Amino acid sequence: MVHSINIEGIKLYGYHGCLEEEAKIGGHYIVDVYLTTDFSQSLLTDNLNNTIDYCSIYEICKSEMAIRNKLIECVCDRIFQKIKQQFKQIKTLHVKLTKLTPPMNGNVEKVSVEIKDES
């Protein structure tokens, strides 16, 4: 049996981007995390230790977003790798990082990158 946990709409502020203004001013970001695992034990025990703690996922996203990068691809990968490292019971993982109102020569609402491990 496959169980899914989705943590969507994690709103964070970060200082990522290639422009110096982005390093000083920062911007708004949204992180979405989708994972599959087996939480059947938690269904029997009603115990948080038998599943993935959503708060821990949030804290990983928050701490990795606090480390500046020029590319959001790098930030997304750090979040992905840290989650995989901390939660060995994850079967598949999908992390999406969205940058709202990116500084571009045009009216662009958002850009996003995704990393998926579906093995």
PDB file of N, CA and C in Angstrom:
ATOM      1  N   MET A   1       0.836  -1.173   0.000  1.00  0.00           N
ATOM      2  CA  MET A   1       0.000   0.000   0.000  1.00  0.00           C
ATOM      3  C   MET A   1       0.888   1.245   0.000  1.00  0.00           C
ATOM      4  N   VAL A   2       0.489   2.237  -0.743  1.00  0.00           N
ATOM      5  CA  VAL A   2       1.239   3.488  -0.822  1.00  0.00           C
ATOM      6  C   VAL A   2       0.440   4.585  -0.134  1.00  0.00           C
ATOM      7  N   HIS A   3       1.114   5.316   0.734  1.00  0.00           N
ATOM      8  CA  HIS A   3       0.498   6.440   1.425  1.00  0.00           C
ATOM      9  C   HIS A   3       1.195   7.722   0.982  1.00  0.00           C
ATOM     10  N   SER A   4       0.422   8.772   0.747  1.00  0.00           N
ATOM     11  CA  SER A   4       0.973  10.057   0.321  1.00  0.00           C
ATOM     12  C   SER A   4       0.814  11.091   1.423  1.00  0.00           C
ATOM     13  N   ILE A   5       1.817  11.918   1.538  1.00  0.00           N
ATOM     14  CA  ILE A   5       1.755  13.084   2.407  1.00  0.00           C
ATOM     15  C   ILE A   5       2.140  14.283   1.542  1.00  0.00           C
ATOM     16  N   ASN A   6       1.303  15.316   1.558  1.00  0.00           N
ATOM     17  CA  ASN A   6       1.535  16.515   0.766  1.00  0.00           C
ATOM     18  C   ASN A   6       1.573  17.720   1.698  1.00  0.00           C
ATOM     19  N   ILE A   7       2.657  18.450   1.659  1.00  0.00           N
ATOM     20  CA  ILE A   7       2.778  19.685   2.426  1.00  0.00           C
ATOM     21  C   ILE A   7       2.891  20.791   1.384  1.00  0.00           C
ATOM     22  N   GLU A   8       1.816  21.527   1.201  1.00  0.00           N
ATOM     23  CA  GLU A   8       1.733  22.483   0.106  1.00  0.00           C
ATOM     24  C   GLU A   8       1.619  23.918   0.619  1.00  0.00           C
ATOM     25  N   GLY A   9       2.198  24.831  -0.148  1.00  0.00           N
ATOM     26  CA  GLY A   9       2.050  26.247   0.152  1.00  0.00           C
ATOM     27  C   GLY A   9       2.874  26.740   1.318  1.00  0.00           C
ATOM     28  N   ILE A  10       4.070  26.196   1.498  1.00  0.00           N
ATOM     29  CA  ILE A  10       4.972  26.689   2.543  1.00  0.00           C
ATOM     30  C   ILE A  10       5.493  28.046   2.067  1.00  0.00           C
ATOM     31  N   LYS A  11       5.046  29.106   2.705  1.00  0.00           N
ATOM     32  CA  LYS A  11       5.399  30.469   2.286  1.00  0.00           C
ATOM     33  C   LYS A  11       6.613  30.946   3.077  1.00  0.00           C
ATOM     34  N   LEU A  12       7.668  31.288   2.332  1.00  0.00           N
ATOM     35  CA  LEU A  12       8.919  31.717   2.949  1.00  0.00           C
ATOM     36  C   LEU A  12       9.482  32.927   2.207  1.00  0.00           C
ATOM     37  N   TYR A  13      10.359  33.637   2.864  1.00  0.00           N
ATOM     38  CA  TYR A  13      11.034  34.781   2.270  1.00  0.00           C
ATOM     39  C   TYR A  13      12.499  34.416   2.103  1.00  0.00           C
ATOM     40  N   GLY A  14      13.070  34.758   0.965  1.00  0.00           N
ATOM     41  CA  GLY A  14      14.457  34.411   0.717  1.00  0.00           C
ATOM     42  C   GLY A  14      15.170  35.467  -0.106  1.00  0.00           C
ATOM     43  N   TYR A  15      16.478  35.311  -0.216  1.00  0.00           N
ATOM     44  CA  TYR A  15      17.328  36.288  -0.898  1.00  0.00           C
ATOM     45  C   TYR A  15      18.078  35.642  -2.049  1.00  0.00           C
ATOM     46  N   HIS A  16      17.379  34.882  -2.859  1.00  0.00           N
ATOM     47  CA  HIS A  16      17.992  34.133  -3.949  1.00  0.00           C
ATOM     48  C   HIS A  16      17.847  34.892  -5.262  1.00  0.00           C
ATOM     49  N   GLY A  17      18.825  34.739  -6.112  1.00  0.00           N
ATOM     50  CA  GLY A  17      18.769  35.351  -7.429  1.00  0.00           C
ATOM     51  C   GLY A  17      20.130  35.833  -7.865  1.00  0.00           C
ATOM     52  N   CYS A  18      20.254  36.083  -9.151  1.00  0.00           N
ATOM     53  CA  CYS A  18      21.527  36.512  -9.731  1.00  0.00           C
ATOM     54  C   CYS A  18      21.760  38.014  -9.592  1.00  0.00           C
ATOM     55  N   LEU A  19      20.708  38.770  -9.346  1.00  0.00           N
ATOM     56  CA  LEU A  19      20.836  40.225  -9.227  1.00  0.00           C
ATOM     57  C   LEU A  19      21.189  40.630  -7.801  1.00  0.00           C
ATOM     58  N   GLU A  20      22.018  41.656  -7.673  1.00  0.00           N
ATOM     59  CA  GLU A  20      22.391  42.155  -6.352  1.00  0.00           C
ATOM     60  C   GLU A  20      21.179  42.657  -5.571  1.00  0.00           C
ATOM     61  N   GLU A  21      20.202  43.213  -6.278  1.00  0.00           N
ATOM     62  CA  GLU A  21      18.991  43.702  -5.632  1.00  0.00           C
ATOM     63  C   GLU A  21      18.253  42.568  -4.917  1.00  0.00           C
ATOM     64  N   GLU A  22      18.281  41.384  -5.518  1.00  0.00           N
ATOM     65  CA  GLU A  22      17.614  40.230  -4.908  1.00  0.00           C
ATOM     66  C   GLU A  22      18.311  39.820  -3.612  1.00  0.00           C
ATOM     67  N   ALA A  23      19.624  40.001  -3.565  1.00  0.00           N
ATOM     68  CA  ALA A  23      20.381  39.673  -2.357  1.00  0.00           C
ATOM     69  C   ALA A  23      20.066  40.654  -1.234  1.00  0.00           C
ATOM     70  N   LYS A  24      19.729  41.881  -1.583  1.00  0.00           N
ATOM     71  CA  LYS A  24      19.443  42.908  -0.582  1.00  0.00           C
ATOM     72  C   LYS A  24      17.970  42.960  -0.207  1.00  0.00           C
ATOM     73  N   ILE A  25      17.106  42.901  -1.198  1.00  0.00           N
ATOM     74  CA  ILE A  25      15.668  43.088  -0.976  1.00  0.00           C
ATOM     75  C   ILE A  25      14.956  41.773  -0.672  1.00  0.00           C
ATOM     76  N   GLY A  26      15.345  40.730  -1.378  1.00  0.00           N
ATOM     77  CA  GLY A  26      14.710  39.424  -1.195  1.00  0.00           C
ATOM     78  C   GLY A  26      13.386  39.318  -1.927  1.00  0.00           C
ATOM     79  N   GLY A  27      12.714  38.200  -1.709  1.00  0.00           N
ATOM     80  CA  GLY A  27      11.440  37.966  -2.375  1.00  0.00           C
ATOM     81  C   GLY A  27      10.671  36.828  -1.730  1.00  0.00           C
ATOM     82  N   HIS A  28       9.451  36.656  -2.212  1.00  0.00           N
ATOM     83  CA  HIS A  28       8.557  35.634  -1.676  1.00  0.00           C
ATOM     84  C   HIS A  28       8.680  34.337  -2.480  1.00  0.00           C
ATOM     85  N   TYR A  29       8.626  33.217  -1.741  1.00  0.00           N
ATOM     86  CA  TYR A  29       8.750  31.897  -2.329  1.00  0.00           C
ATOM     87  C   TYR A  29       7.694  30.967  -1.740  1.00  0.00           C
ATOM     88  N   ILE A  30       7.369  29.936  -2.503  1.00  0.00           N
ATOM     89  CA  ILE A  30       6.464  28.895  -2.020  1.00  0.00           C
ATOM     90  C   ILE A  30       7.128  27.544  -2.268  1.00  0.00           C
ATOM     91  N   VAL A  31       7.122  26.706  -1.250  1.00  0.00           N
ATOM     92  CA  VAL A  31       7.671  25.354  -1.373  1.00  0.00           C
ATOM     93  C   VAL A  31       6.520  24.364  -1.213  1.00  0.00           C
ATOM     94  N   ASP A  32       6.468  23.386  -2.115  1.00  0.00           N
ATOM     95  CA  ASP A  32       5.513  22.285  -2.033  1.00  0.00           C
ATOM     96  C   ASP A  32       6.312  20.988  -1.959  1.00  0.00           C
ATOM     97  N   VAL A  33       5.920  20.123  -1.022  1.00  0.00           N
ATOM     98  CA  VAL A  33       6.605  18.844  -0.842  1.00  0.00           C
ATOM     99  C   VAL A  33       5.564  17.731  -0.932  1.00  0.00           C
ATOM    100  N   TYR A  34       5.815  16.781  -1.819  1.00  0.00           N
ATOM    101  CA  TYR A  34       4.944  15.624  -2.009  1.00  0.00           C
ATOM    102  C   TYR A  34       5.789  14.379  -1.789  1.00  0.00           C
ATOM    103  N   LEU A  35       5.299  13.476  -0.960  1.00  0.00           N
ATOM    104  CA  LEU A  35       6.077  12.270  -0.720  1.00  0.00           C
ATOM    105  C   LEU A  35       5.161  11.073  -0.530  1.00  0.00           C
ATOM    106  N   THR A  36       5.742   9.913  -0.775  1.00  0.00           N
ATOM    107  CA  THR A  36       5.044   8.668  -0.466  1.00  0.00           C
ATOM    108  C   THR A  36       5.880   7.908   0.540  1.00  0.00           C
ATOM    109  N   THR A  37       5.179   7.192   1.400  1.00  0.00           N
ATOM    110  CA  THR A  37       5.808   6.433   2.465  1.00  0.00           C
ATOM    111  C   THR A  37       4.815   5.366   2.909  1.00  0.00           C
ATOM    112  N   ASP A  38       5.165   4.647   3.910  1.00  0.00           N
ATOM    113  CA  ASP A  38       4.233   3.686   4.506  1.00  0.00           C
ATOM    114  C   ASP A  38       3.943   4.150   5.925  1.00  0.00           C
ATOM    115  N   PHE A  39       2.756   4.737   6.126  1.00  0.00           N
ATOM    116  CA  PHE A  39       2.407   5.156   7.475  1.00  0.00           C
ATOM    117  C   PHE A  39       1.331   4.277   8.099  1.00  0.00           C
ATOM    118  N   SER A  40       1.310   3.002   7.697  1.00  0.00           N
ATOM    119  CA  SER A  40       0.307   2.077   8.238  1.00  0.00           C
ATOM    120  C   SER A  40       0.456   1.880   9.746  1.00  0.00           C
ATOM    121  N   GLN A  41       1.696   1.920  10.260  1.00  0.00           N
ATOM    122  CA  GLN A  41       1.895   1.795  11.709  1.00  0.00           C
ATOM    123  C   GLN A  41       1.245   2.948  12.466  1.00  0.00           C
ATOM    124  N   SER A  42       1.318   4.143  11.892  1.00  0.00           N
ATOM    125  CA  SER A  42       0.712   5.295  12.568  1.00  0.00           C
ATOM    126  C   SER A  42      -0.810   5.189  12.589  1.00  0.00           C
ATOM    127  N   LEU A  43      -1.373   4.482  11.622  1.00  0.00           N
ATOM    128  CA  LEU A  43      -2.833   4.275  11.609  1.00  0.00           C
ATOM    129  C   LEU A  43      -3.253   3.385  12.771  1.00  0.00           C
ATOM    130  N   LEU A  44      -2.381   2.486  13.159  1.00  0.00           N
ATOM    131  CA  LEU A  44      -2.671   1.581  14.269  1.00  0.00           C
ATOM    132  C   LEU A  44      -2.361   2.195  15.629  1.00  0.00           C
ATOM    133  N   THR A  45      -1.319   3.032  15.669  1.00  0.00           N
ATOM    134  CA  THR A  45      -0.842   3.539  16.956  1.00  0.00           C
ATOM    135  C   THR A  45      -1.241   4.970  17.252  1.00  0.00           C
ATOM    136  N   ASP A  46      -1.612   5.729  16.220  1.00  0.00           N
ATOM    137  CA  ASP A  46      -1.908   7.161  16.367  1.00  0.00           C
ATOM    138  C   ASP A  46      -0.711   7.883  16.973  1.00  0.00           C
ATOM    139  N   ASN A  47       0.488   7.472  16.533  1.00  0.00           N
ATOM    140  CA  ASN A  47       1.736   7.982  17.094  1.00  0.00           C
ATOM    141  C   ASN A  47       2.533   8.685  15.999  1.00  0.00           C
ATOM    142  N   LEU A  48       2.902   9.932  16.256  1.00  0.00           N
ATOM    143  CA  LEU A  48       3.651  10.740  15.303  1.00  0.00           C
ATOM    144  C   LEU A  48       4.994  10.110  14.925  1.00  0.00           C
ATOM    145  N   ASN A  49       5.579   9.344  15.818  1.00  0.00           N
ATOM    146  CA  ASN A  49       6.869   8.712  15.542  1.00  0.00           C
ATOM    147  C   ASN A  49       6.789   7.653  14.440  1.00  0.00           C
ATOM    148  N   ASN A  50       5.589   7.259  14.061  1.00  0.00           N
ATOM    149  CA  ASN A  50       5.406   6.234  13.030  1.00  0.00           C
ATOM    150  C   ASN A  50       5.032   6.814  11.669  1.00  0.00           C
ATOM    151  N   THR A  51       5.246   8.105  11.492  1.00  0.00           N
ATOM    152  CA  THR A  51       4.957   8.751  10.220  1.00  0.00           C
ATOM    153  C   THR A  51       5.976   9.873  10.006  1.00  0.00           C
ATOM    154  N   ILE A  52       5.736  10.714   9.020  1.00  0.00           N
ATOM    155  CA  ILE A  52       6.603  11.850   8.739  1.00  0.00           C
ATOM    156  C   ILE A  52       6.018  13.079   9.451  1.00  0.00           C
ATOM    157  N   ASP A  53       6.829  13.744  10.236  1.00  0.00           N
ATOM    158  CA  ASP A  53       6.401  14.936  10.962  1.00  0.00           C
ATOM    159  C   ASP A  53       6.402  16.141  10.011  1.00  0.00           C
ATOM    160  N   TYR A  54       5.232  16.718   9.765  1.00  0.00           N
ATOM    161  CA  TYR A  54       5.117  17.861   8.844  1.00  0.00           C
ATOM    162  C   TYR A  54       5.954  19.043   9.318  1.00  0.00           C
ATOM    163  N   CYS A  55       6.016  19.220  10.631  1.00  0.00           N
ATOM    164  CA  CYS A  55       6.780  20.340  11.185  1.00  0.00           C
ATOM    165  C   CYS A  55       8.267  20.206  10.858  1.00  0.00           C
ATOM    166  N   SER A  56       8.773  18.998  10.856  1.00  0.00           N
ATOM    167  CA  SER A  56      10.172  18.769  10.503  1.00  0.00           C
ATOM    168  C   SER A  56      10.438  19.116   9.041  1.00  0.00           C
ATOM    169  N   ILE A  57       9.502  18.780   8.175  1.00  0.00           N
ATOM    170  CA  ILE A  57       9.625  19.133   6.758  1.00  0.00           C
ATOM    171  C   ILE A  57       9.660  20.655   6.612  1.00  0.00           C
ATOM    172  N   TYR A  58       8.748  21.326   7.308  1.00  0.00           N
ATOM    173  CA  TYR A  58       8.712  22.794   7.269  1.00  0.00           C
ATOM    174  C   TYR A  58      10.040  23.383   7.734  1.00  0.00           C
ATOM    175  N   GLU A  59      10.583  22.875   8.824  1.00  0.00           N
ATOM    176  CA  GLU A  59      11.836  23.400   9.375  1.00  0.00           C
ATOM    177  C   GLU A  59      13.001  23.197   8.409  1.00  0.00           C
ATOM    178  N   ILE A  60      13.018  22.076   7.701  1.00  0.00           N
ATOM    179  CA  ILE A  60      14.054  21.844   6.694  1.00  0.00           C
ATOM    180  C   ILE A  60      13.935  22.898   5.597  1.00  0.00           C
ATOM    181  N   CYS A  61      12.726  23.109   5.106  1.00  0.00           N
ATOM    182  CA  CYS A  61      12.505  24.103   4.048  1.00  0.00           C
ATOM    183  C   CYS A  61      12.940  25.484   4.522  1.00  0.00           C
ATOM    184  N   LYS A  62      12.546  25.851   5.718  1.00  0.00           N
ATOM    185  CA  LYS A  62      12.870  27.166   6.276  1.00  0.00           C
ATOM    186  C   LYS A  62      14.385  27.344   6.423  1.00  0.00           C
ATOM    187  N   SER A  63      15.072  26.356   6.955  1.00  0.00           N
ATOM    188  CA  SER A  63      16.514  26.494   7.169  1.00  0.00           C
ATOM    189  C   SER A  63      17.279  26.520   5.853  1.00  0.00           C
ATOM    190  N   GLU A  64      16.882  25.728   4.876  1.00  0.00           N
ATOM    191  CA  GLU A  64      17.577  25.716   3.590  1.00  0.00           C
ATOM    192  C   GLU A  64      17.286  26.982   2.780  1.00  0.00           C
ATOM    193  N   MET A  65      16.093  27.531   2.931  1.00  0.00           N
ATOM    194  CA  MET A  65      15.760  28.791   2.248  1.00  0.00           C
ATOM    195  C   MET A  65      16.559  29.956   2.821  1.00  0.00           C
ATOM    196  N   ALA A  66      17.047  29.850   4.033  1.00  0.00           N
ATOM    197  CA  ALA A  66      17.812  30.918   4.672  1.00  0.00           C
ATOM    198  C   ALA A  66      19.243  31.004   4.133  1.00  0.00           C
ATOM    199  N   ILE A  67      19.675  29.982   3.385  1.00  0.00           N
ATOM    200  CA  ILE A  67      21.021  29.979   2.800  1.00  0.00           C
ATOM    201  C   ILE A  67      20.916  30.514   1.379  1.00  0.00           C
ATOM    202  N   ARG A  68      21.552  31.653   1.121  1.00  0.00           N
ATOM    203  CA  ARG A  68      21.427  32.321  -0.174  1.00  0.00           C
ATOM    204  C   ARG A  68      22.106  31.540  -1.300  1.00  0.00           C
ATOM    205  N   ASN A  69      21.407  31.502  -2.425  1.00  0.00           N
ATOM    206  CA  ASN A  69      21.956  30.985  -3.680  1.00  0.00           C
ATOM    207  C   ASN A  69      21.531  31.901  -4.809  1.00  0.00           C
ATOM    208  N   LYS A  70      22.294  31.899  -5.859  1.00  0.00           N
ATOM    209  CA  LYS A  70      21.883  32.632  -7.058  1.00  0.00           C
ATOM    210  C   LYS A  70      20.766  31.879  -7.776  1.00  0.00           C
ATOM    211  N   LEU A  71      20.843  30.548  -7.771  1.00  0.00           N
ATOM    212  CA  LEU A  71      19.879  29.733  -8.505  1.00  0.00           C
ATOM    213  C   LEU A  71      18.916  29.027  -7.558  1.00  0.00           C
ATOM    214  N   ILE A  72      17.624  29.129  -7.854  1.00  0.00           N
ATOM    215  CA  ILE A  72      16.648  28.417  -7.023  1.00  0.00           C
ATOM    216  C   ILE A  72      16.764  26.910  -7.238  1.00  0.00           C
ATOM    217  N   GLU A  73      17.369  26.502  -8.325  1.00  0.00           N
ATOM    218  CA  GLU A  73      17.618  25.083  -8.556  1.00  0.00           C
ATOM    219  C   GLU A  73      18.474  24.502  -7.428  1.00  0.00           C
ATOM    220  N   CYS A  74      19.467  25.278  -6.995  1.00  0.00           N
ATOM    221  CA  CYS A  74      20.358  24.828  -5.918  1.00  0.00           C
ATOM    222  C   CYS A  74      19.618  24.739  -4.591  1.00  0.00           C
ATOM    223  N   VAL A  75      18.768  25.709  -4.333  1.00  0.00           N
ATOM    224  CA  VAL A  75      17.989  25.711  -3.090  1.00  0.00           C
ATOM    225  C   VAL A  75      17.045  24.511  -3.072  1.00  0.00           C
ATOM    226  N   CYS A  76      16.370  24.277  -4.180  1.00  0.00           N
ATOM    227  CA  CYS A  76      15.432  23.159  -4.292  1.00  0.00           C
ATOM    228  C   CYS A  76      16.159  21.835  -4.059  1.00  0.00           C
ATOM    229  N   ASP A  77      17.346  21.707  -4.628  1.00  0.00           N
ATOM    230  CA  ASP A  77      18.109  20.469  -4.462  1.00  0.00           C
ATOM    231  C   ASP A  77      18.531  20.272  -3.015  1.00  0.00           C
ATOM    232  N   ARG A  78      18.939  21.338  -2.339  1.00  0.00           N
ATOM    233  CA  ARG A  78      19.312  21.216  -0.925  1.00  0.00           C
ATOM    234  C   ARG A  78      18.132  20.756  -0.079  1.00  0.00           C
ATOM    235  N   ILE A  79      16.966  21.323  -0.329  1.00  0.00           N
ATOM    236  CA  ILE A  79      15.761  20.911   0.404  1.00  0.00           C
ATOM    237  C   ILE A  79      15.483  19.435   0.144  1.00  0.00           C
ATOM    238  N   PHE A  80      15.523  19.052  -1.121  1.00  0.00           N
ATOM    239  CA  PHE A  80      15.278  17.666  -1.534  1.00  0.00           C
ATOM    240  C   PHE A  80      16.242  16.715  -0.828  1.00  0.00           C
ATOM    241  N   GLN A  81      17.542  17.015  -0.907  1.00  0.00           N
ATOM    242  CA  GLN A  81      18.569  16.134  -0.332  1.00  0.00           C
ATOM    243  C   GLN A  81      18.445  16.034   1.186  1.00  0.00           C
ATOM    244  N   LYS A  82      18.144  17.146   1.846  1.00  0.00           N
ATOM    245  CA  LYS A  82      18.030  17.151   3.305  1.00  0.00           C
ATOM    246  C   LYS A  82      16.827  16.319   3.758  1.00  0.00           C
ATOM    247  N   ILE A  83      15.709  16.427   3.058  1.00  0.00           N
ATOM    248  CA  ILE A  83      14.524  15.626   3.402  1.00  0.00           C
ATOM    249  C   ILE A  83      14.831  14.140   3.213  1.00  0.00           C
ATOM    250  N   LYS A  84      15.431  13.791   2.073  1.00  0.00           N
ATOM    251  CA  LYS A  84      15.782  12.382   1.810  1.00  0.00           C
ATOM    252  C   LYS A  84      16.734  11.844   2.873  1.00  0.00           C
ATOM    253  N   GLN A  85      17.668  12.661   3.294  1.00  0.00           N
ATOM    254  CA  GLN A  85      18.660  12.259   4.289  1.00  0.00           C
ATOM    255  C   GLN A  85      18.016  12.049   5.658  1.00  0.00           C
ATOM    256  N   GLN A  86      17.109  12.935   6.035  1.00  0.00           N
ATOM    257  CA  GLN A  86      16.514  12.863   7.372  1.00  0.00           C
ATOM    258  C   GLN A  86      15.436  11.797   7.495  1.00  0.00           C
ATOM    259  N   PHE A  87      14.735  11.500   6.410  1.00  0.00           N
ATOM    260  CA  PHE A  87      13.621  10.555   6.455  1.00  0.00           C
ATOM    261  C   PHE A  87      13.873   9.403   5.487  1.00  0.00           C
ATOM    262  N   LYS A  88      14.550   8.383   5.972  1.00  0.00           N
ATOM    263  CA  LYS A  88      14.918   7.234   5.143  1.00  0.00           C
ATOM    264  C   LYS A  88      13.706   6.428   4.692  1.00  0.00           C
ATOM    265  N   GLN A  89      12.572   6.559   5.397  1.00  0.00           N
ATOM    266  CA  GLN A  89      11.375   5.786   5.070  1.00  0.00           C
ATOM    267  C   GLN A  89      10.596   6.346   3.871  1.00  0.00           C
ATOM    268  N   ILE A  90      11.040   7.474   3.328  1.00  0.00           N
ATOM    269  CA  ILE A  90      10.363   8.037   2.158  1.00  0.00           C
ATOM    270  C   ILE A  90      10.636   7.156   0.946  1.00  0.00           C
ATOM    271  N   LYS A  91       9.572   6.814   0.232  1.00  0.00           N
ATOM    272  CA  LYS A  91       9.707   5.989  -0.977  1.00  0.00           C
ATOM    273  C   LYS A  91       9.914   6.857  -2.212  1.00  0.00           C
ATOM    274  N   THR A  92       9.103   7.892  -2.372  1.00  0.00           N
ATOM    275  CA  THR A  92       9.280   8.845  -3.473  1.00  0.00           C
ATOM    276  C   THR A  92       9.159  10.249  -2.901  1.00  0.00           C
ATOM    277  N   LEU A  93       9.850  11.177  -3.549  1.00  0.00           N
ATOM    278  CA  LEU A  93       9.860  12.563  -3.087  1.00  0.00           C
ATOM    279  C   LEU A  93       9.792  13.489  -4.282  1.00  0.00           C
ATOM    280  N   HIS A  94       9.034  14.559  -4.118  1.00  0.00           N
ATOM    281  CA  HIS A  94       8.870  15.578  -5.151  1.00  0.00           C
ATOM    282  C   HIS A  94       8.861  16.926  -4.431  1.00  0.00           C
ATOM    283  N   VAL A  95       9.833  17.780  -4.753  1.00  0.00           N
ATOM    284  CA  VAL A  95       9.917  19.113  -4.157  1.00  0.00           C
ATOM    285  C   VAL A  95       9.786  20.140  -5.268  1.00  0.00           C
ATOM    286  N   LYS A  96       8.908  21.104  -5.062  1.00  0.00           N
ATOM    287  CA  LYS A  96       8.694  22.196  -6.009  1.00  0.00           C
ATOM    288  C   LYS A  96       8.963  23.511  -5.295  1.00  0.00           C
ATOM    289  N   LEU A  97       9.821  24.346  -5.882  1.00  0.00           N
ATOM    290  CA  LEU A  97      10.141  25.659  -5.324  1.00  0.00           C
ATOM    291  C   LEU A  97       9.713  26.723  -6.323  1.00  0.00           C
ATOM    292  N   THR A  98       8.849  27.622  -5.872  1.00  0.00           N
ATOM    293  CA  THR A  98       8.295  28.665  -6.733  1.00  0.00           C
ATOM    294  C   THR A  98       8.759  30.032  -6.253  1.00  0.00           C
ATOM    295  N   LYS A  99       9.257  30.817  -7.183  1.00  0.00           N
ATOM    296  CA  LYS A  99       9.666  32.198  -6.912  1.00  0.00           C
ATOM    297  C   LYS A  99       8.570  33.107  -7.452  1.00  0.00           C
ATOM    298  N   LEU A 100       7.972  33.889  -6.562  1.00  0.00           N
ATOM    299  CA  LEU A 100       6.887  34.786  -6.957  1.00  0.00           C
ATOM    300  C   LEU A 100       7.452  36.111  -7.476  1.00  0.00           C
ATOM    301  N   THR A 101       6.789  36.658  -8.468  1.00  0.00           N
ATOM    302  CA  THR A 101       7.161  37.924  -9.129  1.00  0.00           C
ATOM    303  C   THR A 101       8.669  38.062  -9.354  1.00  0.00           C
ATOM    304  N   PRO A 102       9.231  37.180 -10.180  1.00  0.00           N
ATOM    305  CA  PRO A 102      10.668  37.259 -10.460  1.00  0.00           C
ATOM    306  C   PRO A 102      11.003  38.531 -11.242  1.00  0.00           C
ATOM    307  N   PRO A 103      12.177  39.113 -10.998  1.00  0.00           N
ATOM    308  CA  PRO A 103      12.558  40.330 -11.724  1.00  0.00           C
ATOM    309  C   PRO A 103      12.962  39.991 -13.160  1.00  0.00           C
ATOM    310  N   MET A 104      12.017  40.172 -14.060  1.00  0.00           N
ATOM    311  CA  MET A 104      12.256  39.871 -15.464  1.00  0.00           C
ATOM    312  C   MET A 104      11.751  41.036 -16.303  1.00  0.00           C
ATOM    313  N   ASN A 105      12.174  41.078 -17.545  1.00  0.00           N
ATOM    314  CA  ASN A 105      11.701  42.119 -18.457  1.00  0.00           C
ATOM    315  C   ASN A 105      10.354  41.724 -19.036  1.00  0.00           C
ATOM    316  N   GLY A 106       9.357  41.620 -18.164  1.00  0.00           N
ATOM    317  CA  GLY A 106       8.025  41.231 -18.591  1.00  0.00           C
ATOM    318  C   GLY A 106       7.161  40.964 -17.380  1.00  0.00           C
ATOM    319  N   ASN A 107       5.891  40.777 -17.626  1.00  0.00           N
ATOM    320  CA  ASN A 107       4.928  40.542 -16.553  1.00  0.00           C
ATOM    321  C   ASN A 107       4.834  39.037 -16.305  1.00  0.00           C
ATOM    322  N   VAL A 108       5.633  38.548 -15.352  1.00  0.00           N
ATOM    323  CA  VAL A 108       5.685  37.123 -15.045  1.00  0.00           C
ATOM    324  C   VAL A 108       5.272  36.938 -13.592  1.00  0.00           C
ATOM    325  N   GLU A 109       4.239  36.150 -13.372  1.00  0.00           N
ATOM    326  CA  GLU A 109       3.711  35.928 -12.031  1.00  0.00           C
ATOM    327  C   GLU A 109       4.648  35.100 -11.164  1.00  0.00           C
ATOM    328  N   LYS A 110       5.218  34.030 -11.758  1.00  0.00           N
ATOM    329  CA  LYS A 110       6.060  33.135 -10.969  1.00  0.00           C
ATOM    330  C   LYS A 110       6.869  32.234 -11.882  1.00  0.00           C
ATOM    331  N   VAL A 111       7.965  31.728 -11.318  1.00  0.00           N
ATOM    332  CA  VAL A 111       8.759  30.687 -11.967  1.00  0.00           C
ATOM    333  C   VAL A 111       8.981  29.599 -10.929  1.00  0.00           C
ATOM    334  N   SER A 112       9.129  28.369 -11.388  1.00  0.00           N
ATOM    335  CA  SER A 112       9.334  27.288 -10.424  1.00  0.00           C
ATOM    336  C   SER A 112      10.261  26.232 -10.996  1.00  0.00           C
ATOM    337  N   VAL A 113      10.872  25.510 -10.072  1.00  0.00           N
ATOM    338  CA  VAL A 113      11.693  24.349 -10.412  1.00  0.00           C
ATOM    339  C   VAL A 113      11.203  23.173  -9.579  1.00  0.00           C
ATOM    340  N   GLU A 114      11.393  21.980 -10.099  1.00  0.00           N
ATOM    341  CA  GLU A 114      10.939  20.767  -9.398  1.00  0.00           C
ATOM    342  C   GLU A 114      11.999  19.699  -9.476  1.00  0.00           C
ATOM    343  N   ILE A 115      12.120  18.954  -8.402  1.00  0.00           N
ATOM    344  CA  ILE A 115      12.986  17.785  -8.383  1.00  0.00           C
ATOM    345  C   ILE A 115      12.131  16.611  -7.899  1.00  0.00           C
ATOM    346  N   LYS A 116      12.155  15.534  -8.672  1.00  0.00           N
ATOM    347  CA  LYS A 116      11.348  14.359  -8.350  1.00  0.00           C
ATOM    348  C   LYS A 116      12.237  13.121  -8.309  1.00  0.00           C
ATOM    349  N   ASP A 117      11.966  12.292  -7.328  1.00  0.00           N
ATOM    350  CA  ASP A 117      12.612  10.996  -7.238  1.00  0.00           C
ATOM    351  C   ASP A 117      11.478   9.987  -7.195  1.00  0.00           C
ATOM    352  N   GLU A 118      11.269   9.302  -8.289  1.00  0.00           N
ATOM    353  CA  GLU A 118      10.124   8.386  -8.360  1.00  0.00           C
ATOM    354  C   GLU A 118      10.582   6.951  -8.524  1.00  0.00           C
ATOM    355  N   SER A 119      11.706   6.623  -7.908  1.00  0.00           N
ATOM    356  CA  SER A 119      12.226   5.253  -8.046  1.00  0.00           C
ATOM    357  C   SER A 119      11.526   4.304  -7.109  1.00  0.00           C
TER     358      SER A 119
END
